[in-house]
Amino acid sequence: MKLIRPHKKFIQSYMEAIEEDEIFRPHGEILFSDPETIIERSYNLEHGIHLPINYVKATTFWLIDKEKFIGEINIRHELNSSLMNYGGNIGYEIRQSECCKNYGTKMLSMALIYCKETLNLNKVLITCDDDNIGSIKVIENNGGVLENKVKNSLSRGNVITRRYWIHI
């Protein structure tokens, strides 16, 4: 099991994850990016090239296990005012067919090493919906301490968001 930056070798497996999301979460948020642009887009985000408004530099990693794309984790290098309430430093997703297999906990643990060793962060903010039991477990299994819950108005409606800090 390893974290890698998006790579063309795993695009087909990545596309399969997108198809799974369309089947299992047809009305959910788009969880994975366009496979035709993900490599270029992730490079640009990491290097601060053509960042959209309110975006910060971010590193994208894919979790690969046995040559299969398992999940994606995005590490934002800093926080801005909007990320303080929703999004935080880290966002992640595990493909539907691999959920509940402890991949999320392991992927976040590996990402925290990058945060500490490469970005020199001492703590990170991670947020999740109040009813997202799987994400709550992943965050708490990695030492997340709940600071508070806030209400966010998103395109999908009003959401109660849990805000966790992990000291690394």
N, C-alpha and C. Protein backbone atom coordinates (compact mmCIF):
# COMPACT_ATOMS: atom_id res chain seq x y z
N MET A 1 0.85 -1.17 0.00
CA MET A 1 0.00 0.00 0.00
C MET A 1 0.89 1.23 0.00
N LYS A 2 0.56 2.19 -0.88
CA LYS A 2 1.39 3.38 -0.98
C LYS A 2 0.56 4.58 -1.40
N LEU A 3 1.05 5.78 -1.03
CA LEU A 3 0.49 7.03 -1.51
C LEU A 3 1.37 7.51 -2.66
N ILE A 4 0.71 7.85 -3.77
CA ILE A 4 1.44 8.41 -4.91
C ILE A 4 0.67 9.62 -5.43
N ARG A 5 1.36 10.48 -6.14
CA ARG A 5 0.66 11.54 -6.84
C ARG A 5 -0.09 10.92 -8.01
N PRO A 6 -1.19 11.54 -8.45
CA PRO A 6 -1.95 10.96 -9.57
C PRO A 6 -1.04 10.60 -10.74
N HIS A 7 -1.26 9.41 -11.29
CA HIS A 7 -0.39 8.89 -12.34
C HIS A 7 -1.24 8.20 -13.41
N LYS A 8 -0.83 8.36 -14.67
CA LYS A 8 -1.60 7.80 -15.79
C LYS A 8 -1.74 6.28 -15.70
N LYS A 9 -0.81 5.62 -15.04
CA LYS A 9 -0.87 4.17 -14.90
C LYS A 9 -2.16 3.71 -14.21
N PHE A 10 -2.72 4.58 -13.35
CA PHE A 10 -3.89 4.18 -12.56
C PHE A 10 -5.17 4.90 -12.97
N ILE A 11 -5.14 5.57 -14.13
CA ILE A 11 -6.33 6.31 -14.59
C ILE A 11 -7.53 5.37 -14.79
N GLN A 12 -7.32 4.21 -15.37
CA GLN A 12 -8.44 3.28 -15.60
C GLN A 12 -9.09 2.89 -14.27
N SER A 13 -8.28 2.58 -13.28
CA SER A 13 -8.81 2.22 -11.96
C SER A 13 -9.52 3.42 -11.32
N TYR A 14 -8.99 4.60 -11.55
CA TYR A 14 -9.61 5.83 -11.06
C TYR A 14 -10.98 6.03 -11.71
N MET A 15 -11.06 5.77 -13.02
CA MET A 15 -12.34 5.90 -13.73
C MET A 15 -13.37 4.90 -13.19
N GLU A 16 -12.92 3.73 -12.82
CA GLU A 16 -13.82 2.73 -12.23
C GLU A 16 -14.38 3.24 -10.91
N ALA A 17 -13.57 3.95 -10.14
CA ALA A 17 -14.04 4.52 -8.87
C ALA A 17 -15.11 5.59 -9.13
N ILE A 18 -14.92 6.38 -10.18
CA ILE A 18 -15.92 7.39 -10.54
C ILE A 18 -17.24 6.70 -10.89
N GLU A 19 -17.17 5.62 -11.66
CA GLU A 19 -18.38 4.87 -12.03
C GLU A 19 -19.08 4.31 -10.79
N GLU A 20 -18.30 3.81 -9.83
CA GLU A 20 -18.89 3.32 -8.58
C GLU A 20 -19.65 4.43 -7.87
N ASP A 21 -19.06 5.61 -7.82
CA ASP A 21 -19.73 6.73 -7.15
C ASP A 21 -21.04 7.08 -7.84
N GLU A 22 -21.04 7.03 -9.16
CA GLU A 22 -22.27 7.35 -9.90
C GLU A 22 -23.37 6.33 -9.61
N ILE A 23 -22.99 5.08 -9.37
CA ILE A 23 -23.98 4.03 -9.06
C ILE A 23 -24.45 4.12 -7.61
N PHE A 24 -23.51 4.20 -6.68
CA PHE A 24 -23.85 4.12 -5.27
C PHE A 24 -24.23 5.45 -4.63
N ARG A 25 -23.80 6.56 -5.23
CA ARG A 25 -24.14 7.89 -4.69
C ARG A 25 -24.61 8.79 -5.84
N PRO A 26 -25.70 8.41 -6.50
CA PRO A 26 -26.11 9.14 -7.71
C PRO A 26 -26.47 10.61 -7.48
N HIS A 27 -26.87 10.97 -6.30
CA HIS A 27 -27.25 12.35 -6.04
C HIS A 27 -26.27 13.04 -5.09
N GLY A 28 -25.12 12.41 -4.86
CA GLY A 28 -24.13 12.98 -3.96
C GLY A 28 -23.24 13.99 -4.66
N GLU A 29 -22.35 14.57 -3.88
CA GLU A 29 -21.37 15.48 -4.45
C GLU A 29 -20.45 14.70 -5.38
N ILE A 30 -19.87 15.38 -6.33
CA ILE A 30 -18.87 14.74 -7.19
C ILE A 30 -17.63 14.54 -6.34
N LEU A 31 -17.25 13.29 -6.15
CA LEU A 31 -16.19 12.99 -5.21
C LEU A 31 -14.81 12.88 -5.85
N PHE A 32 -14.75 12.48 -7.09
CA PHE A 32 -13.48 12.39 -7.77
C PHE A 32 -13.51 13.32 -8.97
N SER A 33 -12.36 13.81 -9.39
CA SER A 33 -12.27 14.77 -10.49
C SER A 33 -12.28 14.08 -11.85
N ASP A 34 -12.36 14.87 -12.88
CA ASP A 34 -12.33 14.40 -14.25
C ASP A 34 -11.00 13.67 -14.51
N PRO A 35 -11.05 12.40 -14.92
CA PRO A 35 -9.81 11.65 -15.14
C PRO A 35 -8.93 12.23 -16.25
N GLU A 36 -9.52 12.99 -17.17
CA GLU A 36 -8.73 13.56 -18.26
C GLU A 36 -7.88 14.75 -17.81
N THR A 37 -8.26 15.37 -16.70
CA THR A 37 -7.54 16.56 -16.25
C THR A 37 -6.91 16.41 -14.86
N ILE A 38 -7.12 15.29 -14.19
CA ILE A 38 -6.69 15.17 -12.79
C ILE A 38 -5.18 15.31 -12.64
N ILE A 39 -4.40 14.77 -13.53
CA ILE A 39 -2.94 14.84 -13.37
C ILE A 39 -2.47 16.29 -13.50
N GLU A 40 -2.91 16.98 -14.54
CA GLU A 40 -2.52 18.38 -14.73
C GLU A 40 -3.08 19.25 -13.62
N ARG A 41 -4.35 19.03 -13.25
CA ARG A 41 -5.00 19.85 -12.22
C ARG A 41 -4.29 19.68 -10.87
N SER A 42 -3.95 18.45 -10.52
CA SER A 42 -3.29 18.24 -9.23
C SER A 42 -1.90 18.87 -9.22
N TYR A 43 -1.19 18.80 -10.35
CA TYR A 43 0.12 19.46 -10.44
C TYR A 43 -0.03 20.96 -10.24
N ASN A 44 -1.00 21.56 -10.94
CA ASN A 44 -1.22 23.00 -10.83
C ASN A 44 -1.60 23.42 -9.41
N LEU A 45 -2.45 22.65 -8.75
CA LEU A 45 -2.83 22.98 -7.37
C LEU A 45 -1.63 22.92 -6.44
N GLU A 46 -0.81 21.91 -6.61
CA GLU A 46 0.35 21.76 -5.73
C GLU A 46 1.36 22.89 -5.92
N HIS A 47 1.47 23.40 -7.14
CA HIS A 47 2.46 24.42 -7.44
C HIS A 47 1.88 25.83 -7.52
N GLY A 48 0.60 25.97 -7.18
CA GLY A 48 -0.01 27.30 -7.15
C GLY A 48 -0.22 27.92 -8.51
N ILE A 49 -0.41 27.10 -9.53
CA ILE A 49 -0.58 27.60 -10.90
C ILE A 49 -2.07 27.74 -11.20
N HIS A 50 -2.48 28.95 -11.59
CA HIS A 50 -3.88 29.23 -11.94
C HIS A 50 -4.86 28.77 -10.87
N LEU A 51 -4.58 29.10 -9.62
CA LEU A 51 -5.48 28.70 -8.54
C LEU A 51 -6.81 29.46 -8.65
N PRO A 52 -7.92 28.75 -8.57
CA PRO A 52 -9.21 29.44 -8.53
C PRO A 52 -9.32 30.31 -7.27
N ILE A 53 -10.23 31.24 -7.30
CA ILE A 53 -10.47 32.13 -6.14
C ILE A 53 -10.79 31.29 -4.91
N ASN A 54 -10.21 31.67 -3.79
CA ASN A 54 -10.38 31.00 -2.49
C ASN A 54 -9.71 29.64 -2.39
N TYR A 55 -8.92 29.25 -3.37
CA TYR A 55 -8.16 28.01 -3.29
C TYR A 55 -6.78 28.31 -2.72
N VAL A 56 -6.18 27.30 -2.10
CA VAL A 56 -4.80 27.39 -1.63
C VAL A 56 -4.03 26.24 -2.26
N LYS A 57 -2.71 26.31 -2.21
CA LYS A 57 -1.91 25.19 -2.71
C LYS A 57 -2.33 23.91 -2.00
N ALA A 58 -2.35 22.81 -2.75
CA ALA A 58 -2.77 21.53 -2.19
C ALA A 58 -2.06 20.40 -2.92
N THR A 59 -1.70 19.38 -2.18
CA THR A 59 -1.09 18.19 -2.76
C THR A 59 -2.11 17.07 -2.77
N THR A 60 -2.24 16.41 -3.91
CA THR A 60 -3.16 15.29 -4.06
C THR A 60 -2.36 14.00 -4.10
N PHE A 61 -2.80 13.03 -3.33
CA PHE A 61 -2.22 11.69 -3.36
C PHE A 61 -3.31 10.67 -3.64
N TRP A 62 -2.93 9.61 -4.29
CA TRP A 62 -3.81 8.46 -4.47
C TRP A 62 -3.27 7.32 -3.61
N LEU A 63 -4.19 6.62 -2.96
CA LEU A 63 -3.82 5.41 -2.24
C LEU A 63 -3.96 4.25 -3.22
N ILE A 64 -2.86 3.54 -3.40
CA ILE A 64 -2.81 2.40 -4.30
C ILE A 64 -2.49 1.15 -3.48
N ASP A 65 -3.27 0.11 -3.70
CA ASP A 65 -3.02 -1.16 -3.03
C ASP A 65 -3.16 -2.27 -4.08
N LYS A 66 -2.14 -3.08 -4.21
CA LYS A 66 -2.13 -4.17 -5.18
C LYS A 66 -2.47 -3.67 -6.58
N GLU A 67 -1.85 -2.55 -6.95
CA GLU A 67 -2.00 -1.94 -8.28
C GLU A 67 -3.43 -1.46 -8.56
N LYS A 68 -4.19 -1.17 -7.51
CA LYS A 68 -5.57 -0.70 -7.67
C LYS A 68 -5.73 0.64 -6.95
N PHE A 69 -6.43 1.58 -7.61
CA PHE A 69 -6.76 2.86 -6.98
C PHE A 69 -7.79 2.60 -5.89
N ILE A 70 -7.46 3.03 -4.66
CA ILE A 70 -8.34 2.83 -3.52
C ILE A 70 -9.02 4.12 -3.10
N GLY A 71 -8.27 5.21 -3.07
CA GLY A 71 -8.83 6.47 -2.61
C GLY A 71 -7.93 7.63 -2.92
N GLU A 72 -8.45 8.81 -2.62
CA GLU A 72 -7.75 10.07 -2.91
C GLU A 72 -7.75 10.92 -1.65
N ILE A 73 -6.63 11.60 -1.42
CA ILE A 73 -6.54 12.50 -0.28
C ILE A 73 -5.89 13.80 -0.76
N ASN A 74 -6.49 14.91 -0.37
CA ASN A 74 -6.00 16.23 -0.75
C ASN A 74 -5.54 16.95 0.51
N ILE A 75 -4.31 17.42 0.47
CA ILE A 75 -3.71 18.09 1.61
C ILE A 75 -3.50 19.55 1.26
N ARG A 76 -4.26 20.42 1.90
CA ARG A 76 -4.14 21.86 1.66
C ARG A 76 -3.00 22.39 2.53
N HIS A 77 -2.10 23.12 1.90
CA HIS A 77 -0.87 23.55 2.58
C HIS A 77 -1.10 24.60 3.65
N GLU A 78 -2.21 25.31 3.57
CA GLU A 78 -2.54 26.34 4.55
C GLU A 78 -4.05 26.47 4.62
N LEU A 79 -4.51 27.23 5.59
CA LEU A 79 -5.94 27.46 5.77
C LEU A 79 -6.28 28.90 5.42
N ASN A 80 -7.42 29.09 4.80
CA ASN A 80 -7.96 30.45 4.63
C ASN A 80 -9.28 30.50 5.42
N SER A 81 -9.96 31.62 5.39
CA SER A 81 -11.14 31.77 6.23
C SER A 81 -12.25 30.77 5.89
N SER A 82 -12.44 30.46 4.62
CA SER A 82 -13.51 29.51 4.29
C SER A 82 -13.13 28.08 4.69
N LEU A 83 -11.85 27.70 4.55
CA LEU A 83 -11.43 26.36 4.96
C LEU A 83 -11.48 26.16 6.47
N MET A 84 -11.46 27.24 7.22
CA MET A 84 -11.55 27.12 8.68
C MET A 84 -12.90 26.55 9.11
N ASN A 85 -13.95 26.80 8.34
CA ASN A 85 -15.28 26.28 8.69
C ASN A 85 -15.64 25.02 7.95
N TYR A 86 -15.16 24.88 6.72
CA TYR A 86 -15.53 23.72 5.93
C TYR A 86 -14.37 23.34 5.03
N GLY A 87 -13.89 22.15 5.16
CA GLY A 87 -12.80 21.66 4.31
C GLY A 87 -11.53 21.39 5.07
N GLY A 88 -11.07 22.36 5.85
CA GLY A 88 -9.86 22.17 6.63
C GLY A 88 -8.63 21.93 5.76
N ASN A 89 -7.61 21.34 6.37
CA ASN A 89 -6.36 21.05 5.67
C ASN A 89 -6.44 19.80 4.80
N ILE A 90 -7.32 18.88 5.15
CA ILE A 90 -7.31 17.58 4.48
C ILE A 90 -8.72 17.15 4.12
N GLY A 91 -8.86 16.68 2.90
CA GLY A 91 -10.10 16.06 2.44
C GLY A 91 -9.75 14.74 1.79
N TYR A 92 -10.61 13.76 1.92
CA TYR A 92 -10.29 12.43 1.38
C TYR A 92 -11.56 11.69 1.00
N GLU A 93 -11.36 10.67 0.19
CA GLU A 93 -12.47 9.82 -0.23
C GLU A 93 -11.93 8.43 -0.57
N ILE A 94 -12.66 7.42 -0.14
CA ILE A 94 -12.35 6.04 -0.48
C ILE A 94 -13.39 5.58 -1.49
N ARG A 95 -12.97 4.86 -2.50
CA ARG A 95 -13.94 4.37 -3.49
C ARG A 95 -14.95 3.45 -2.81
N GLN A 96 -16.14 3.47 -3.32
CA GLN A 96 -17.27 2.78 -2.67
C GLN A 96 -16.99 1.30 -2.39
N SER A 97 -16.41 0.59 -3.34
CA SER A 97 -16.18 -0.85 -3.15
C SER A 97 -15.12 -1.17 -2.11
N GLU A 98 -14.38 -0.16 -1.65
CA GLU A 98 -13.32 -0.39 -0.67
C GLU A 98 -13.61 0.25 0.69
N CYS A 99 -14.82 0.78 0.85
CA CYS A 99 -15.19 1.39 2.12
C CYS A 99 -15.27 0.33 3.22
N CYS A 100 -15.07 0.78 4.45
CA CYS A 100 -15.18 -0.07 5.65
C CYS A 100 -14.11 -1.16 5.71
N LYS A 101 -12.96 -0.90 5.12
CA LYS A 101 -11.85 -1.86 5.15
C LYS A 101 -10.61 -1.26 5.80
N ASN A 102 -10.78 -0.16 6.53
CA ASN A 102 -9.70 0.52 7.26
C ASN A 102 -8.75 1.30 6.35
N TYR A 103 -9.07 1.43 5.07
CA TYR A 103 -8.21 2.18 4.17
C TYR A 103 -8.17 3.67 4.52
N GLY A 104 -9.31 4.24 4.91
CA GLY A 104 -9.35 5.66 5.24
C GLY A 104 -8.42 6.00 6.39
N THR A 105 -8.46 5.19 7.44
CA THR A 105 -7.60 5.42 8.60
C THR A 105 -6.12 5.35 8.21
N LYS A 106 -5.77 4.36 7.41
CA LYS A 106 -4.37 4.19 7.01
C LYS A 106 -3.94 5.33 6.08
N MET A 107 -4.80 5.71 5.14
CA MET A 107 -4.46 6.77 4.20
C MET A 107 -4.22 8.09 4.94
N LEU A 108 -5.09 8.42 5.89
CA LEU A 108 -4.91 9.65 6.65
C LEU A 108 -3.63 9.59 7.47
N SER A 109 -3.35 8.46 8.07
CA SER A 109 -2.12 8.30 8.85
C SER A 109 -0.88 8.56 7.98
N MET A 110 -0.89 8.03 6.76
CA MET A 110 0.24 8.24 5.85
C MET A 110 0.33 9.71 5.43
N ALA A 111 -0.81 10.35 5.22
CA ALA A 111 -0.82 11.76 4.82
C ALA A 111 -0.30 12.66 5.93
N LEU A 112 -0.57 12.30 7.17
CA LEU A 112 -0.10 13.11 8.29
C LEU A 112 1.43 13.15 8.34
N ILE A 113 2.06 12.08 7.92
CA ILE A 113 3.53 12.06 7.86
C ILE A 113 4.01 13.11 6.86
N TYR A 114 3.37 13.19 5.70
CA TYR A 114 3.70 14.21 4.70
C TYR A 114 3.49 15.61 5.27
N CYS A 115 2.38 15.80 5.98
CA CYS A 115 2.10 17.11 6.58
C CYS A 115 3.22 17.54 7.52
N LYS A 116 3.67 16.62 8.32
CA LYS A 116 4.71 16.92 9.32
C LYS A 116 6.08 17.09 8.66
N GLU A 117 6.47 16.11 7.85
CA GLU A 117 7.84 16.08 7.33
C GLU A 117 8.06 17.02 6.14
N THR A 118 7.08 17.21 5.31
CA THR A 118 7.27 18.02 4.11
C THR A 118 6.72 19.43 4.26
N LEU A 119 5.53 19.54 4.84
CA LEU A 119 4.90 20.86 4.98
C LEU A 119 5.22 21.52 6.32
N ASN A 120 5.87 20.80 7.21
CA ASN A 120 6.24 21.31 8.54
C ASN A 120 5.04 21.81 9.34
N LEU A 121 3.91 21.12 9.20
CA LEU A 121 2.72 21.47 9.98
C LEU A 121 2.76 20.73 11.31
N ASN A 122 2.36 21.41 12.38
CA ASN A 122 2.30 20.79 13.70
C ASN A 122 0.91 20.31 14.04
N LYS A 123 -0.08 20.86 13.35
CA LYS A 123 -1.45 20.42 13.55
C LYS A 123 -2.22 20.68 12.27
N VAL A 124 -3.27 19.89 12.06
CA VAL A 124 -4.11 20.05 10.89
C VAL A 124 -5.58 20.06 11.32
N LEU A 125 -6.37 20.78 10.54
CA LEU A 125 -7.81 20.83 10.74
C LEU A 125 -8.46 19.92 9.72
N ILE A 126 -9.35 19.06 10.20
CA ILE A 126 -10.13 18.19 9.31
C ILE A 126 -11.59 18.34 9.69
N THR A 127 -12.43 18.50 8.68
CA THR A 127 -13.86 18.64 8.94
C THR A 127 -14.62 17.51 8.27
N CYS A 128 -15.80 17.24 8.80
CA CYS A 128 -16.69 16.27 8.17
C CYS A 128 -18.12 16.57 8.59
N ASP A 129 -19.05 16.07 7.81
CA ASP A 129 -20.46 16.22 8.16
C ASP A 129 -20.73 15.51 9.48
N ASP A 130 -21.64 16.07 10.26
CA ASP A 130 -21.96 15.53 11.58
C ASP A 130 -22.51 14.11 11.51
N ASP A 131 -23.10 13.73 10.40
CA ASP A 131 -23.68 12.39 10.28
C ASP A 131 -22.78 11.40 9.52
N ASN A 132 -21.54 11.78 9.22
CA ASN A 132 -20.63 10.92 8.47
C ASN A 132 -19.83 10.06 9.46
N ILE A 133 -20.45 8.97 9.88
CA ILE A 133 -19.87 8.09 10.91
C ILE A 133 -18.52 7.54 10.47
N GLY A 134 -18.39 7.14 9.21
CA GLY A 134 -17.12 6.59 8.73
C GLY A 134 -15.99 7.59 8.84
N SER A 135 -16.23 8.82 8.43
CA SER A 135 -15.19 9.84 8.50
C SER A 135 -14.87 10.22 9.94
N ILE A 136 -15.89 10.26 10.78
CA ILE A 136 -15.65 10.54 12.21
C ILE A 136 -14.68 9.51 12.78
N LYS A 137 -14.91 8.24 12.46
CA LYS A 137 -14.03 7.17 12.96
C LYS A 137 -12.60 7.33 12.42
N VAL A 138 -12.47 7.63 11.12
CA VAL A 138 -11.15 7.80 10.52
C VAL A 138 -10.38 8.92 11.24
N ILE A 139 -11.05 10.04 11.44
CA ILE A 139 -10.40 11.20 12.07
C ILE A 139 -10.04 10.89 13.53
N GLU A 140 -10.97 10.32 14.27
CA GLU A 140 -10.71 10.02 15.68
C GLU A 140 -9.66 8.92 15.84
N ASN A 141 -9.63 7.95 14.92
CA ASN A 141 -8.60 6.90 14.96
C ASN A 141 -7.20 7.46 14.73
N ASN A 142 -7.12 8.65 14.15
CA ASN A 142 -5.83 9.31 13.92
C ASN A 142 -5.57 10.42 14.92
N GLY A 143 -6.27 10.41 16.03
CA GLY A 143 -6.01 11.36 17.11
C GLY A 143 -6.78 12.66 17.02
N GLY A 144 -7.78 12.73 16.15
CA GLY A 144 -8.56 13.95 16.01
C GLY A 144 -9.33 14.30 17.26
N VAL A 145 -9.27 15.56 17.65
CA VAL A 145 -9.98 16.07 18.82
C VAL A 145 -11.03 17.07 18.33
N LEU A 146 -12.28 16.78 18.65
CA LEU A 146 -13.38 17.64 18.21
C LEU A 146 -13.29 18.99 18.92
N GLU A 147 -13.20 20.06 18.13
CA GLU A 147 -13.21 21.41 18.71
C GLU A 147 -14.64 21.92 18.85
N ASN A 148 -15.42 21.78 17.77
CA ASN A 148 -16.81 22.25 17.82
C ASN A 148 -17.55 21.77 16.58
N LYS A 149 -18.81 22.16 16.52
CA LYS A 149 -19.65 21.90 15.35
C LYS A 149 -20.17 23.25 14.88
N VAL A 150 -20.17 23.45 13.56
CA VAL A 150 -20.65 24.70 12.98
C VAL A 150 -21.67 24.39 11.89
N LYS A 151 -22.51 25.35 11.63
CA LYS A 151 -23.50 25.23 10.56
C LYS A 151 -22.94 25.89 9.31
N ASN A 152 -22.98 25.16 8.21
CA ASN A 152 -22.51 25.68 6.92
C ASN A 152 -23.65 25.64 5.91
N SER A 153 -23.77 26.69 5.13
CA SER A 153 -24.73 26.73 4.03
C SER A 153 -23.99 26.37 2.76
N LEU A 154 -24.27 25.19 2.23
CA LEU A 154 -23.61 24.69 1.04
C LEU A 154 -24.61 24.55 -0.09
N SER A 155 -24.13 24.26 -1.28
CA SER A 155 -25.03 24.09 -2.42
C SER A 155 -26.03 22.96 -2.19
N ARG A 156 -25.66 22.00 -1.34
CA ARG A 156 -26.57 20.88 -1.05
C ARG A 156 -27.48 21.15 0.14
N GLY A 157 -27.41 22.37 0.68
CA GLY A 157 -28.26 22.75 1.81
C GLY A 157 -27.45 23.07 3.04
N ASN A 158 -28.15 23.25 4.16
CA ASN A 158 -27.48 23.52 5.43
C ASN A 158 -26.92 22.22 6.00
N VAL A 159 -25.68 22.29 6.45
CA VAL A 159 -24.97 21.11 6.95
C VAL A 159 -24.32 21.45 8.28
N ILE A 160 -24.45 20.53 9.22
CA ILE A 160 -23.70 20.66 10.48
C ILE A 160 -22.35 19.98 10.25
N THR A 161 -21.29 20.75 10.49
CA THR A 161 -19.92 20.30 10.23
C THR A 161 -19.16 20.15 11.53
N ARG A 162 -18.52 19.00 11.71
CA ARG A 162 -17.62 18.77 12.85
C ARG A 162 -16.24 19.28 12.46
N ARG A 163 -15.60 20.00 13.39
CA ARG A 163 -14.25 20.53 13.17
C ARG A 163 -13.29 19.85 14.15
N TYR A 164 -12.35 19.10 13.60
CA TYR A 164 -11.36 18.36 14.39
C TYR A 164 -9.96 18.89 14.16
N TRP A 165 -9.16 18.90 15.21
CA TRP A 165 -7.72 19.19 15.10
C TRP A 165 -6.95 17.92 15.42
N ILE A 166 -5.92 17.68 14.62
CA ILE A 166 -4.99 16.60 14.90
C ILE A 166 -3.61 17.22 15.09
N HIS A 167 -3.02 16.99 16.25
CA HIS A 167 -1.66 17.46 16.53
C HIS A 167 -0.69 16.39 16.05
N ILE A 168 0.29 16.80 15.24
CA ILE A 168 1.23 15.83 14.67
C ILE A 168 2.66 16.16 15.04
